[in-house]
Amino acid sequence: MKILVSALVTAISLMMAAPSWAQKYPDKPIRMVVPYVAGGNLDVISRLFAQSLSEELGQPVVVDNRPGANGNTGMEQVARSPANGYTIAMVAAGTMAINPSLYRTMAFDPEKDLAPVSLVASGPLVLQINNALPIQNFQELIAYAKANPGKLNFGSGGNGTLSHLSFEMLRQRTGIDIIHVPYKGTSIAVNDLIAGHIQAMFDTLSTAAPMINEGKVRGIAVTSAKRSEAIPNLPTVSEAGVKDYSADAWSGLVVPAGTPRDIIVRLQTAIAKIGSRDIIQKRLGVVGSEAVGSTPEQFAATIRAERVRWAEIVKVSGARVD
């Protein structure tokens, strides 16, 4: 919340210094590209903010889902769009921080071709296990995996996804031998987790919480640096014994590189203002996220740090998508 307030104050002061022509932006509808399928965590957050941005900016903000290649398909379109503020995109760790290390070649450079506007929201993944496992907590899972090397399977929404690499980081930090089973989407993986075809997986809190509350799976930890207010009984992975472990399912707003600074400030000001509202914070809480509303510079620093973190995990794990 301190970041949100600071960003809002900074953005307002910058906006007051902006030239008068910038106050006219926008004067036509804005397209918000979401580089993943509709219905996912990022899509839900995108639509929540798009609706409020429409009200704040006085123009329609239309969500345009462009899935494919772990977000690369949609983001290539954004990178090639005119840098005029009328094409914006809601991105995640995969598109901005993981893909540059995961793909041998990309048709665009996220660092050079896209400009950060604001880190919008952030939330944890949840480590969940099949109910049939004789395990009640995180420590017992690690002990069981070490006593049964190669006998447990963990699922993910696909090779190189955040859910996959979060488990790869866990394997590296704990030394457990557990087999990765990639799926074409987390919904299929969740079904197999419930059925016992796989024994564990990471998933966003918005998907995991209902399954945990209904007793279909057992939640044992969250990946964030602090406990989630939405599910406070679960410890963080770091609290449970793996020091310095952290993996956030964050969302952020970017625009094509070269977009005028005044337009970036206008968008960032609106994001910070929207994120400070109680109703938005409550709605984000439902999907296990918290508003951030950082400055462009703070968001750029987050992306740089995330790239370093995930590049190491991709390298050691050998994960690759061609």
C-alpha atoms as a PDB file:
ATOM      1  CA  MET A   1       0.000   0.000   0.000  1.00  0.00           C
ATOM      2  CA  LYS A   2       2.967   2.361   0.660  1.00  0.00           C
ATOM      3  CA  ILE A   3       4.091   1.792  -2.930  1.00  0.00           C
ATOM      4  CA  LEU A   4       0.577   2.505  -4.169  1.00  0.00           C
ATOM      5  CA  VAL A   5       0.302   5.811  -2.267  1.00  0.00           C
ATOM      6  CA  SER A   6       3.817   6.889  -3.262  1.00  0.00           C
ATOM      7  CA  ALA A   7       3.161   6.069  -6.901  1.00  0.00           C
ATOM      8  CA  LEU A   8      -0.113   7.974  -6.858  1.00  0.00           C
ATOM      9  CA  VAL A   9       1.504  11.100  -5.387  1.00  0.00           C
ATOM     10  CA  THR A  10       4.400  10.912  -7.859  1.00  0.00           C
ATOM     11  CA  ALA A  11       2.095  10.396 -10.814  1.00  0.00           C
ATOM     12  CA  ILE A  12      -0.170  13.290  -9.892  1.00  0.00           C
ATOM     13  CA  SER A  13       2.782  15.664  -9.541  1.00  0.00           C
ATOM     14  CA  LEU A  14       4.155  14.572 -12.915  1.00  0.00           C
ATOM     15  CA  MET A  15       0.763  14.926 -14.534  1.00  0.00           C
ATOM     16  CA  MET A  16       0.430  18.483 -13.267  1.00  0.00           C
ATOM     17  CA  ALA A  17       3.643  19.305 -15.118  1.00  0.00           C
ATOM     18  CA  ALA A  18       2.514  17.677 -18.373  1.00  0.00           C
ATOM     19  CA  PRO A  19       1.849  19.862 -21.441  1.00  0.00           C
ATOM     20  CA  SER A  20      -1.757  20.835 -22.117  1.00  0.00           C
ATOM     21  CA  TRP A  21      -2.070  18.595 -25.191  1.00  0.00           C
ATOM     22  CA  ALA A  22      -1.519  15.536 -23.011  1.00  0.00           C
ATOM     23  CA  GLN A  23      -4.721  16.370 -21.150  1.00  0.00           C
ATOM     24  CA  LYS A  24      -6.640  15.592 -24.370  1.00  0.00           C
ATOM     25  CA  TYR A  25      -5.547  11.953 -24.345  1.00  0.00           C
ATOM     26  CA  PRO A  26      -7.461   9.792 -24.991  1.00  0.00           C
ATOM     27  CA  ASP A  27      -9.956  10.965 -27.589  1.00  0.00           C
ATOM     28  CA  LYS A  28     -10.887   7.532 -28.970  1.00  0.00           C
ATOM     29  CA  PRO A  29     -11.265   3.924 -27.692  1.00  0.00           C
ATOM     30  CA  ILE A  30      -8.222   2.077 -26.318  1.00  0.00           C
ATOM     31  CA  ARG A  31      -7.409  -1.577 -26.980  1.00  0.00           C
ATOM     32  CA  MET A  32      -6.033  -3.560 -24.020  1.00  0.00           C
ATOM     33  CA  VAL A  33      -4.334  -6.704 -25.277  1.00  0.00           C
ATOM     34  CA  VAL A  34      -4.310  -9.683 -22.909  1.00  0.00           C
ATOM     35  CA  PRO A  35      -1.896 -12.277 -24.341  1.00  0.00           C
ATOM     36  CA  TYR A  36      -3.667 -15.237 -22.732  1.00  0.00           C
ATOM     37  CA  VAL A  37      -7.051 -16.937 -22.974  1.00  0.00           C
ATOM     38  CA  ALA A  38     -10.170 -15.439 -21.451  1.00  0.00           C
ATOM     39  CA  GLY A  39     -11.128 -16.536 -17.954  1.00  0.00           C
ATOM     40  CA  GLY A  40      -7.659 -16.840 -16.461  1.00  0.00           C
ATOM     41  CA  ASN A  41      -6.270 -14.860 -13.542  1.00  0.00           C
ATOM     42  CA  LEU A  42      -4.640 -12.204 -15.740  1.00  0.00           C
ATOM     43  CA  ASP A  43      -7.793 -11.851 -17.818  1.00  0.00           C
ATOM     44  CA  VAL A  44      -9.945 -11.324 -14.716  1.00  0.00           C
ATOM     45  CA  ILE A  45      -7.628  -8.577 -13.445  1.00  0.00           C
ATOM     46  CA  SER A  46      -7.428  -7.020 -16.895  1.00  0.00           C
ATOM     47  CA  ARG A  47     -11.196  -6.761 -17.235  1.00  0.00           C
ATOM     48  CA  LEU A  48     -11.524  -5.321 -13.741  1.00  0.00           C
ATOM     49  CA  PHE A  49      -9.058  -2.537 -14.525  1.00  0.00           C
ATOM     50  CA  ALA A  50     -10.266  -2.032 -18.098  1.00  0.00           C
ATOM     51  CA  GLN A  51     -13.748  -1.205 -16.859  1.00  0.00           C
ATOM     52  CA  SER A  52     -12.403   1.286 -14.333  1.00  0.00           C
ATOM     53  CA  LEU A  53      -9.952   2.756 -16.865  1.00  0.00           C
ATOM     54  CA  SER A  54     -12.857   3.386 -19.211  1.00  0.00           C
ATOM     55  CA  GLU A  55     -14.566   5.411 -16.511  1.00  0.00           C
ATOM     56  CA  GLU A  56     -11.364   7.189 -15.482  1.00  0.00           C
ATOM     57  CA  LEU A  57     -10.202   8.088 -19.000  1.00  0.00           C
ATOM     58  CA  GLY A  58     -13.620   8.796 -20.499  1.00  0.00           C
ATOM     59  CA  GLN A  59     -13.134   6.392 -23.404  1.00  0.00           C
ATOM     60  CA  PRO A  60     -13.925   2.674 -23.859  1.00  0.00           C
ATOM     61  CA  VAL A  61     -11.041   0.338 -22.967  1.00  0.00           C
ATOM     62  CA  VAL A  62     -11.704  -2.883 -24.866  1.00  0.00           C
ATOM     63  CA  VAL A  63     -10.037  -6.133 -23.772  1.00  0.00           C
ATOM     64  CA  ASP A  64      -8.619  -8.106 -26.691  1.00  0.00           C
ATOM     65  CA  ASN A  65      -7.450 -11.653 -25.836  1.00  0.00           C
ATOM     66  CA  ARG A  66      -4.566 -12.737 -28.089  1.00  0.00           C
ATOM     67  CA  PRO A  67      -3.240 -16.031 -26.681  1.00  0.00           C
ATOM     68  CA  GLY A  68      -0.410 -18.150 -28.025  1.00  0.00           C
ATOM     69  CA  ALA A  69       3.245 -19.064 -27.386  1.00  0.00           C
ATOM     70  CA  ASN A  70       3.031 -18.313 -23.649  1.00  0.00           C
ATOM     71  CA  GLY A  71       1.995 -14.740 -24.402  1.00  0.00           C
ATOM     72  CA  ASN A  72       4.429 -14.018 -27.237  1.00  0.00           C
ATOM     73  CA  THR A  73       1.791 -13.964 -29.967  1.00  0.00           C
ATOM     74  CA  GLY A  74      -0.204 -11.126 -28.449  1.00  0.00           C
ATOM     75  CA  MET A  75       2.820  -9.184 -27.272  1.00  0.00           C
ATOM     76  CA  GLU A  76       4.414  -9.223 -30.714  1.00  0.00           C
ATOM     77  CA  GLN A  77       1.308  -7.441 -31.982  1.00  0.00           C
ATOM     78  CA  VAL A  78       1.586  -4.873 -29.213  1.00  0.00           C
ATOM     79  CA  ALA A  79       5.295  -4.289 -29.878  1.00  0.00           C
ATOM     80  CA  ARG A  80       4.498  -3.552 -33.529  1.00  0.00           C
ATOM     81  CA  SER A  81       1.557  -1.257 -32.781  1.00  0.00           C
ATOM     82  CA  PRO A  82       1.757   2.547 -33.060  1.00  0.00           C
ATOM     83  CA  ALA A  83       3.268   4.106 -29.932  1.00  0.00           C
ATOM     84  CA  ASN A  84       0.347   6.448 -29.347  1.00  0.00           C
ATOM     85  CA  GLY A  85      -1.320   5.087 -26.206  1.00  0.00           C
ATOM     86  CA  TYR A  86      -4.228   3.436 -28.002  1.00  0.00           C
ATOM     87  CA  THR A  87      -2.771  -0.066 -27.756  1.00  0.00           C
ATOM     88  CA  ILE A  88      -1.845  -1.119 -24.245  1.00  0.00           C
ATOM     89  CA  ALA A  89      -1.296  -4.566 -22.748  1.00  0.00           C
ATOM     90  CA  MET A  90      -1.663  -6.351 -19.442  1.00  0.00           C
ATOM     91  CA  VAL A  91       1.319  -8.648 -18.995  1.00  0.00           C
ATOM     92  CA  ALA A  92       2.576 -11.243 -16.533  1.00  0.00           C
ATOM     93  CA  ALA A  93       5.906 -12.743 -15.474  1.00  0.00           C
ATOM     94  CA  GLY A  94       5.808 -15.163 -18.392  1.00  0.00           C
ATOM     95  CA  THR A  95       5.657 -12.539 -21.117  1.00  0.00           C
ATOM     96  CA  MET A  96       8.162 -10.094 -19.650  1.00  0.00           C
ATOM     97  CA  ALA A  97      10.551 -12.096 -17.465  1.00  0.00           C
ATOM     98  CA  ILE A  98      10.488 -15.802 -18.368  1.00  0.00           C
ATOM     99  CA  ASN A  99      10.102 -15.974 -22.151  1.00  0.00           C
ATOM    100  CA  PRO A 100      13.392 -14.188 -23.005  1.00  0.00           C
ATOM    101  CA  SER A 101      15.260 -17.098 -21.398  1.00  0.00           C
ATOM    102  CA  LEU A 102      12.818 -19.816 -22.399  1.00  0.00           C
ATOM    103  CA  TYR A 103      12.662 -19.195 -26.153  1.00  0.00           C
ATOM    104  CA  ARG A 104      15.739 -19.441 -28.372  1.00  0.00           C
ATOM    105  CA  THR A 105      14.363 -16.723 -30.627  1.00  0.00           C
ATOM    106  CA  MET A 106      11.566 -14.182 -30.240  1.00  0.00           C
ATOM    107  CA  ALA A 107      10.077 -11.869 -32.861  1.00  0.00           C
ATOM    108  CA  PHE A 108      10.368  -8.917 -30.480  1.00  0.00           C
ATOM    109  CA  ASP A 109      12.479  -7.828 -27.521  1.00  0.00           C
ATOM    110  CA  PRO A 110      10.352  -7.220 -24.397  1.00  0.00           C
ATOM    111  CA  GLU A 111      13.018  -4.943 -22.933  1.00  0.00           C
ATOM    112  CA  LYS A 112      13.530  -2.779 -26.030  1.00  0.00           C
ATOM    113  CA  ASP A 113      10.143  -2.931 -27.736  1.00  0.00           C
ATOM    114  CA  LEU A 114       7.846  -2.427 -24.738  1.00  0.00           C
ATOM    115  CA  ALA A 115       7.710   0.331 -22.135  1.00  0.00           C
ATOM    116  CA  PRO A 116       6.587  -0.329 -18.523  1.00  0.00           C
ATOM    117  CA  VAL A 117       3.693   1.743 -17.212  1.00  0.00           C
ATOM    118  CA  SER A 118       2.844   0.222 -13.834  1.00  0.00           C
ATOM    119  CA  LEU A 119       2.922  -2.968 -11.829  1.00  0.00           C
ATOM    120  CA  VAL A 120      -0.827  -3.335 -11.350  1.00  0.00           C
ATOM    121  CA  ALA A 121      -1.337  -6.224  -8.927  1.00  0.00           C
ATOM    122  CA  SER A 122       0.458  -9.165  -7.401  1.00  0.00           C
ATOM    123  CA  GLY A 123      -0.520 -12.393  -5.678  1.00  0.00           C
ATOM    124  CA  PRO A 124       0.836 -15.821  -4.795  1.00  0.00           C
ATOM    125  CA  LEU A 125       0.617 -19.246  -6.304  1.00  0.00           C
ATOM    126  CA  VAL A 126      -0.632 -21.995  -4.013  1.00  0.00           C
ATOM    127  CA  LEU A 127       1.109 -25.339  -3.586  1.00  0.00           C
ATOM    128  CA  GLN A 128      -1.620 -27.963  -3.482  1.00  0.00           C
ATOM    129  CA  ILE A 129      -1.485 -31.738  -3.221  1.00  0.00           C
ATOM    130  CA  ASN A 130      -3.770 -34.709  -3.794  1.00  0.00           C
ATOM    131  CA  ASN A 131      -5.816 -35.669  -0.732  1.00  0.00           C
ATOM    132  CA  ALA A 132      -4.692 -39.303  -0.877  1.00  0.00           C
ATOM    133  CA  LEU A 133      -1.095 -38.435  -0.038  1.00  0.00           C
ATOM    134  CA  PRO A 134      -0.215 -39.149   3.616  1.00  0.00           C
ATOM    135  CA  ILE A 135       0.907 -35.540   3.992  1.00  0.00           C
ATOM    136  CA  GLN A 136      -0.474 -32.658   6.030  1.00  0.00           C
ATOM    137  CA  ASN A 137       2.058 -29.878   5.528  1.00  0.00           C
ATOM    138  CA  PHE A 138       4.956 -28.628   3.420  1.00  0.00           C
ATOM    139  CA  GLN A 139       7.705 -30.216   5.507  1.00  0.00           C
ATOM    140  CA  GLU A 140       6.041 -33.602   5.212  1.00  0.00           C
ATOM    141  CA  LEU A 141       5.840 -33.226   1.430  1.00  0.00           C
ATOM    142  CA  ILE A 142       9.568 -32.571   1.156  1.00  0.00           C
ATOM    143  CA  ALA A 143      10.361 -35.487   3.468  1.00  0.00           C
ATOM    144  CA  TYR A 144       8.042 -37.808   1.545  1.00  0.00           C
ATOM    145  CA  ALA A 145       9.526 -36.768  -1.809  1.00  0.00           C
ATOM    146  CA  LYS A 146      13.060 -37.392  -0.543  1.00  0.00           C
ATOM    147  CA  ALA A 147      12.050 -40.810   0.789  1.00  0.00           C
ATOM    148  CA  ASN A 148      10.387 -41.677  -2.542  1.00  0.00           C
ATOM    149  CA  PRO A 149      12.626 -40.204  -5.271  1.00  0.00           C
ATOM    150  CA  GLY A 150      11.101 -40.171  -8.734  1.00  0.00           C
ATOM    151  CA  LYS A 151       7.756 -41.538  -7.543  1.00  0.00           C
ATOM    152  CA  LEU A 152       5.817 -38.277  -7.317  1.00  0.00           C
ATOM    153  CA  ASN A 153       4.544 -36.228 -10.253  1.00  0.00           C
ATOM    154  CA  PHE A 154       3.815 -32.517 -10.299  1.00  0.00           C
ATOM    155  CA  GLY A 155       1.658 -30.912 -12.961  1.00  0.00           C
ATOM    156  CA  SER A 156       1.686 -27.501 -14.563  1.00  0.00           C
ATOM    157  CA  GLY A 157      -0.155 -25.481 -17.181  1.00  0.00           C
ATOM    158  CA  GLY A 158       2.663 -26.142 -19.631  1.00  0.00           C
ATOM    159  CA  ASN A 159       6.412 -26.229 -20.075  1.00  0.00           C
ATOM    160  CA  GLY A 160       7.988 -22.928 -19.054  1.00  0.00           C
ATOM    161  CA  THR A 161       4.901 -21.538 -17.349  1.00  0.00           C
ATOM    162  CA  LEU A 162       5.096 -19.866 -13.966  1.00  0.00           C
ATOM    163  CA  SER A 163       3.518 -22.924 -12.315  1.00  0.00           C
ATOM    164  CA  HIS A 164       6.183 -25.151 -13.889  1.00  0.00           C
ATOM    165  CA  LEU A 165       9.200 -22.989 -13.073  1.00  0.00           C
ATOM    166  CA  SER A 166       7.993 -22.326  -9.531  1.00  0.00           C
ATOM    167  CA  PHE A 167       8.211 -26.069  -8.931  1.00  0.00           C
ATOM    168  CA  GLU A 168      11.589 -26.226 -10.677  1.00  0.00           C
ATOM    169  CA  MET A 169      12.820 -23.593  -8.229  1.00  0.00           C
ATOM    170  CA  LEU A 170      11.462 -25.715  -5.382  1.00  0.00           C
ATOM    171  CA  ARG A 171      13.262 -28.786  -6.723  1.00  0.00           C
ATOM    172  CA  GLN A 172      16.522 -26.879  -6.948  1.00  0.00           C
ATOM    173  CA  ARG A 173      16.257 -25.384  -3.471  1.00  0.00           C
ATOM    174  CA  THR A 174      15.267 -28.642  -1.730  1.00  0.00           C
ATOM    175  CA  GLY A 175      16.957 -31.338  -3.829  1.00  0.00           C
ATOM    176  CA  ILE A 176      13.765 -33.376  -4.260  1.00  0.00           C
ATOM    177  CA  ASP A 177      13.362 -35.716  -7.245  1.00  0.00           C
ATOM    178  CA  ILE A 178       9.832 -35.220  -8.547  1.00  0.00           C
ATOM    179  CA  ILE A 179       8.667 -35.620 -12.154  1.00  0.00           C
ATOM    180  CA  HIS A 180       7.159 -32.758 -14.181  1.00  0.00           C
ATOM    181  CA  VAL A 181       3.999 -33.473 -16.185  1.00  0.00           C
ATOM    182  CA  PRO A 182       3.098 -30.519 -18.456  1.00  0.00           C
ATOM    183  CA  TYR A 183      -0.518 -29.983 -19.483  1.00  0.00           C
ATOM    184  CA  LYS A 184      -2.145 -27.740 -22.074  1.00  0.00           C
ATOM    185  CA  GLY A 185      -3.670 -25.517 -19.426  1.00  0.00           C
ATOM    186  CA  THR A 186      -4.036 -25.649 -15.661  1.00  0.00           C
ATOM    187  CA  SER A 187      -7.705 -26.705 -15.700  1.00  0.00           C
ATOM    188  CA  ILE A 188      -6.767 -30.139 -17.079  1.00  0.00           C
ATOM    189  CA  ALA A 189      -3.945 -30.430 -14.574  1.00  0.00           C
ATOM    190  CA  VAL A 190      -6.301 -29.595 -11.699  1.00  0.00           C
ATOM    191  CA  ASN A 191      -8.678 -32.375 -12.757  1.00  0.00           C
ATOM    192  CA  ASP A 192      -5.817 -34.875 -12.771  1.00  0.00           C
ATOM    193  CA  LEU A 193      -4.630 -33.605  -9.392  1.00  0.00           C
ATOM    194  CA  ILE A 194      -8.064 -34.258  -7.903  1.00  0.00           C
ATOM    195  CA  ALA A 195      -8.157 -37.707  -9.544  1.00  0.00           C
ATOM    196  CA  GLY A 196      -4.694 -38.574  -8.252  1.00  0.00           C
ATOM    197  CA  HIS A 197      -2.960 -38.914 -11.630  1.00  0.00           C
ATOM    198  CA  ILE A 198      -0.524 -36.255 -10.407  1.00  0.00           C
ATOM    199  CA  GLN A 199       0.251 -35.553  -6.773  1.00  0.00           C
ATOM    200  CA  ALA A 200       1.074 -31.844  -6.607  1.00  0.00           C
ATOM    201  CA  MET A 201       0.975 -28.555  -8.508  1.00  0.00           C
ATOM    202  CA  PHE A 202       1.202 -24.812  -8.136  1.00  0.00           C
ATOM    203  CA  ASP A 203      -1.771 -22.740  -9.258  1.00  0.00           C
ATOM    204  CA  THR A 204      -3.090 -19.221  -8.846  1.00  0.00           C
ATOM    205  CA  LEU A 205      -5.018 -18.584  -5.656  1.00  0.00           C
ATOM    206  CA  SER A 206      -8.189 -17.708  -7.562  1.00  0.00           C
ATOM    207  CA  THR A 207      -8.306 -21.251  -8.963  1.00  0.00           C
ATOM    208  CA  ALA A 208      -6.839 -23.093  -5.995  1.00  0.00           C
ATOM    209  CA  ALA A 209      -8.860 -21.543  -3.169  1.00  0.00           C
ATOM    210  CA  PRO A 210     -12.274 -22.960  -4.216  1.00  0.00           C
ATOM    211  CA  MET A 211     -10.755 -26.441  -4.648  1.00  0.00           C
ATOM    212  CA  ILE A 212      -9.127 -26.220  -1.211  1.00  0.00           C
ATOM    213  CA  ASN A 213     -12.252 -24.853   0.477  1.00  0.00           C
ATOM    214  CA  GLU A 214     -14.376 -27.625  -1.038  1.00  0.00           C
ATOM    215  CA  GLY A 215     -11.924 -30.239   0.204  1.00  0.00           C
ATOM    216  CA  LYS A 216     -11.036 -31.481  -3.279  1.00  0.00           C
ATOM    217  CA  VAL A 217      -7.304 -30.857  -2.767  1.00  0.00           C
ATOM    218  CA  ARG A 218      -5.082 -29.893   0.163  1.00  0.00           C
ATOM    219  CA  GLY A 219      -3.281 -26.550   0.186  1.00  0.00           C
ATOM    220  CA  ILE A 220       0.023 -26.532   2.049  1.00  0.00           C
ATOM    221  CA  ALA A 221       1.891 -23.291   1.193  1.00  0.00           C
ATOM    222  CA  VAL A 222       1.892 -20.085  -0.821  1.00  0.00           C
ATOM    223  CA  THR A 223       4.764 -18.780  -2.924  1.00  0.00           C
ATOM    224  CA  SER A 224       4.666 -15.092  -1.973  1.00  0.00           C
ATOM    225  CA  ALA A 225       7.095 -13.401   0.400  1.00  0.00           C
ATOM    226  CA  LYS A 226       4.289 -12.881   2.931  1.00  0.00           C
ATOM    227  CA  ARG A 227       1.123 -14.806   3.753  1.00  0.00           C
ATOM    228  CA  SER A 228      -1.960 -14.133   1.681  1.00  0.00           C
ATOM    229  CA  GLU A 229      -4.830 -12.368   3.410  1.00  0.00           C
ATOM    230  CA  ALA A 230      -7.189 -14.493   1.331  1.00  0.00           C
ATOM    231  CA  ILE A 231      -5.868 -17.745   2.794  1.00  0.00           C
ATOM    232  CA  PRO A 232      -3.855 -16.746   5.910  1.00  0.00           C
ATOM    233  CA  ASN A 233      -3.663 -20.226   7.441  1.00  0.00           C
ATOM    234  CA  LEU A 234      -1.188 -21.347   4.776  1.00  0.00           C
ATOM    235  CA  PRO A 235       2.480 -20.538   5.437  1.00  0.00           C
ATOM    236  CA  THR A 236       4.785 -19.189   2.779  1.00  0.00           C
ATOM    237  CA  VAL A 237       7.282 -21.630   1.269  1.00  0.00           C
ATOM    238  CA  SER A 238      10.000 -19.522   2.874  1.00  0.00           C
ATOM    239  CA  GLU A 239       8.353 -19.770   6.304  1.00  0.00           C
ATOM    240  CA  ALA A 240       8.039 -23.516   5.814  1.00  0.00           C
ATOM    241  CA  GLY A 241      11.785 -23.886   5.489  1.00  0.00           C
ATOM    242  CA  VAL A 242      12.999 -22.871   2.007  1.00  0.00           C
ATOM    243  CA  LYS A 243      14.663 -19.542   2.697  1.00  0.00           C
ATOM    244  CA  ASP A 244      14.465 -16.731   0.137  1.00  0.00           C
ATOM    245  CA  TYR A 245      11.896 -18.590  -1.940  1.00  0.00           C
ATOM    246  CA  SER A 246       9.412 -16.272  -3.633  1.00  0.00           C
ATOM    247  CA  ALA A 247       7.355 -16.477  -6.827  1.00  0.00           C
ATOM    248  CA  ASP A 248       4.598 -13.972  -7.535  1.00  0.00           C
ATOM    249  CA  ALA A 249       1.809 -14.108 -10.096  1.00  0.00           C
ATOM    250  CA  TRP A 250       1.973 -10.421 -10.942  1.00  0.00           C
ATOM    251  CA  SER A 251       0.258  -8.355 -13.608  1.00  0.00           C
ATOM    252  CA  GLY A 252       1.424  -5.095 -15.108  1.00  0.00           C
ATOM    253  CA  LEU A 253       0.583  -2.594 -17.802  1.00  0.00           C
ATOM    254  CA  VAL A 254       2.928  -1.924 -20.733  1.00  0.00           C
ATOM    255  CA  VAL A 255       2.780   0.058 -23.973  1.00  0.00           C
ATOM    256  CA  PRO A 256       4.842   0.023 -27.181  1.00  0.00           C
ATOM    257  CA  ALA A 257       8.290   1.555 -26.769  1.00  0.00           C
ATOM    258  CA  GLY A 258       8.361   5.177 -27.846  1.00  0.00           C
ATOM    259  CA  THR A 259       4.977   6.022 -26.359  1.00  0.00           C
ATOM    260  CA  PRO A 260       5.174   9.657 -25.150  1.00  0.00           C
ATOM    261  CA  ARG A 261       6.070  10.013 -21.498  1.00  0.00           C
ATOM    262  CA  ASP A 262       2.995  12.146 -20.869  1.00  0.00           C
ATOM    263  CA  ILE A 263       0.700   9.352 -22.030  1.00  0.00           C
ATOM    264  CA  ILE A 264       2.540   6.825 -19.853  1.00  0.00           C
ATOM    265  CA  VAL A 265       2.100   9.142 -16.870  1.00  0.00           C
ATOM    266  CA  ARG A 266      -1.588   9.589 -17.685  1.00  0.00           C
ATOM    267  CA  LEU A 267      -2.103   5.819 -17.728  1.00  0.00           C
ATOM    268  CA  GLN A 268      -0.023   5.232 -14.607  1.00  0.00           C
ATOM    269  CA  THR A 269      -1.911   7.924 -12.724  1.00  0.00           C
ATOM    270  CA  ALA A 270      -5.198   6.255 -13.596  1.00  0.00           C
ATOM    271  CA  ILE A 271      -3.930   2.785 -12.573  1.00  0.00           C
ATOM    272  CA  ALA A 272      -2.682   4.057  -9.216  1.00  0.00           C
ATOM    273  CA  LYS A 273      -5.948   5.900  -8.565  1.00  0.00           C
ATOM    274  CA  ILE A 274      -8.046   2.869  -9.462  1.00  0.00           C
ATOM    275  CA  GLY A 275      -5.925   0.526  -7.345  1.00  0.00           C
ATOM    276  CA  SER A 276      -6.350   2.756  -4.284  1.00  0.00           C
ATOM    277  CA  ARG A 277     -10.132   2.264  -4.248  1.00  0.00           C
ATOM    278  CA  ASP A 278     -11.571  -0.021  -1.602  1.00  0.00           C
ATOM    279  CA  ILE A 279     -13.914  -1.731  -4.050  1.00  0.00           C
ATOM    280  CA  ILE A 280     -11.034  -2.622  -6.377  1.00  0.00           C
ATOM    281  CA  GLN A 281      -8.939  -3.926  -3.502  1.00  0.00           C
ATOM    282  CA  LYS A 282     -11.839  -6.101  -2.371  1.00  0.00           C
ATOM    283  CA  ARG A 283     -12.383  -7.491  -5.861  1.00  0.00           C
ATOM    284  CA  LEU A 284      -8.681  -8.206  -6.240  1.00  0.00           C
ATOM    285  CA  GLY A 285      -8.760  -9.959  -2.885  1.00  0.00           C
ATOM    286  CA  VAL A 286     -11.332 -12.385  -4.270  1.00  0.00           C
ATOM    287  CA  VAL A 287      -8.728 -13.626  -6.786  1.00  0.00           C
ATOM    288  CA  GLY A 288      -5.941 -13.530  -4.204  1.00  0.00           C
ATOM    289  CA  SER A 289      -4.178 -10.413  -5.475  1.00  0.00           C
ATOM    290  CA  GLU A 290      -3.296  -7.016  -4.046  1.00  0.00           C
ATOM    291  CA  ALA A 291      -3.119  -3.682  -5.863  1.00  0.00           C
ATOM    292  CA  VAL A 292       0.370  -2.263  -6.358  1.00  0.00           C
ATOM    293  CA  GLY A 293       0.211   0.746  -8.670  1.00  0.00           C
ATOM    294  CA  SER A 294       3.976   1.335  -8.990  1.00  0.00           C
ATOM    295  CA  THR A 295       5.726   3.987 -11.065  1.00  0.00           C
ATOM    296  CA  PRO A 296       7.143   3.046 -14.489  1.00  0.00           C
ATOM    297  CA  GLU A 297      10.646   3.064 -12.983  1.00  0.00           C
ATOM    298  CA  GLN A 298       9.647   0.765 -10.133  1.00  0.00           C
ATOM    299  CA  PHE A 299       7.963  -1.609 -12.558  1.00  0.00           C
ATOM    300  CA  ALA A 300      11.042  -1.616 -14.808  1.00  0.00           C
ATOM    301  CA  ALA A 301      13.182  -2.555 -11.783  1.00  0.00           C
ATOM    302  CA  THR A 302      10.791  -5.385 -10.924  1.00  0.00           C
ATOM    303  CA  ILE A 303      10.986  -6.754 -14.466  1.00  0.00           C
ATOM    304  CA  ARG A 304      14.803  -6.653 -14.430  1.00  0.00           C
ATOM    305  CA  ALA A 305      14.954  -8.518 -11.130  1.00  0.00           C
ATOM    306  CA  GLU A 306      12.424 -11.088 -12.313  1.00  0.00           C
ATOM    307  CA  ARG A 307      14.391 -11.719 -15.519  1.00  0.00           C
ATOM    308  CA  VAL A 308      17.506 -12.520 -13.506  1.00  0.00           C
ATOM    309  CA  ARG A 309      15.575 -14.799 -11.149  1.00  0.00           C
ATOM    310  CA  TRP A 310      13.855 -16.836 -13.849  1.00  0.00           C
ATOM    311  CA  ALA A 311      16.836 -16.960 -16.210  1.00  0.00           C
ATOM    312  CA  GLU A 312      18.709 -18.889 -13.530  1.00  0.00           C
ATOM    313  CA  ILE A 313      15.829 -21.330 -13.014  1.00  0.00           C
ATOM    314  CA  VAL A 314      15.364 -21.887 -16.759  1.00  0.00           C
ATOM    315  CA  LYS A 315      19.083 -22.509 -17.217  1.00  0.00           C
ATOM    316  CA  VAL A 316      19.479 -25.001 -14.381  1.00  0.00           C
ATOM    317  CA  SER A 317      16.218 -26.829 -15.144  1.00  0.00           C
ATOM    318  CA  GLY A 318      16.950 -27.075 -18.863  1.00  0.00           C
ATOM    319  CA  ALA A 319      13.441 -25.888 -19.706  1.00  0.00           C
ATOM    320  CA  ARG A 320      13.127 -24.813 -23.326  1.00  0.00           C
ATOM    321  CA  VAL A 321      10.374 -23.996 -25.800  1.00  0.00           C
ATOM    322  CA  ASP A 322      11.331 -23.880 -29.487  1.00  0.00           C
END
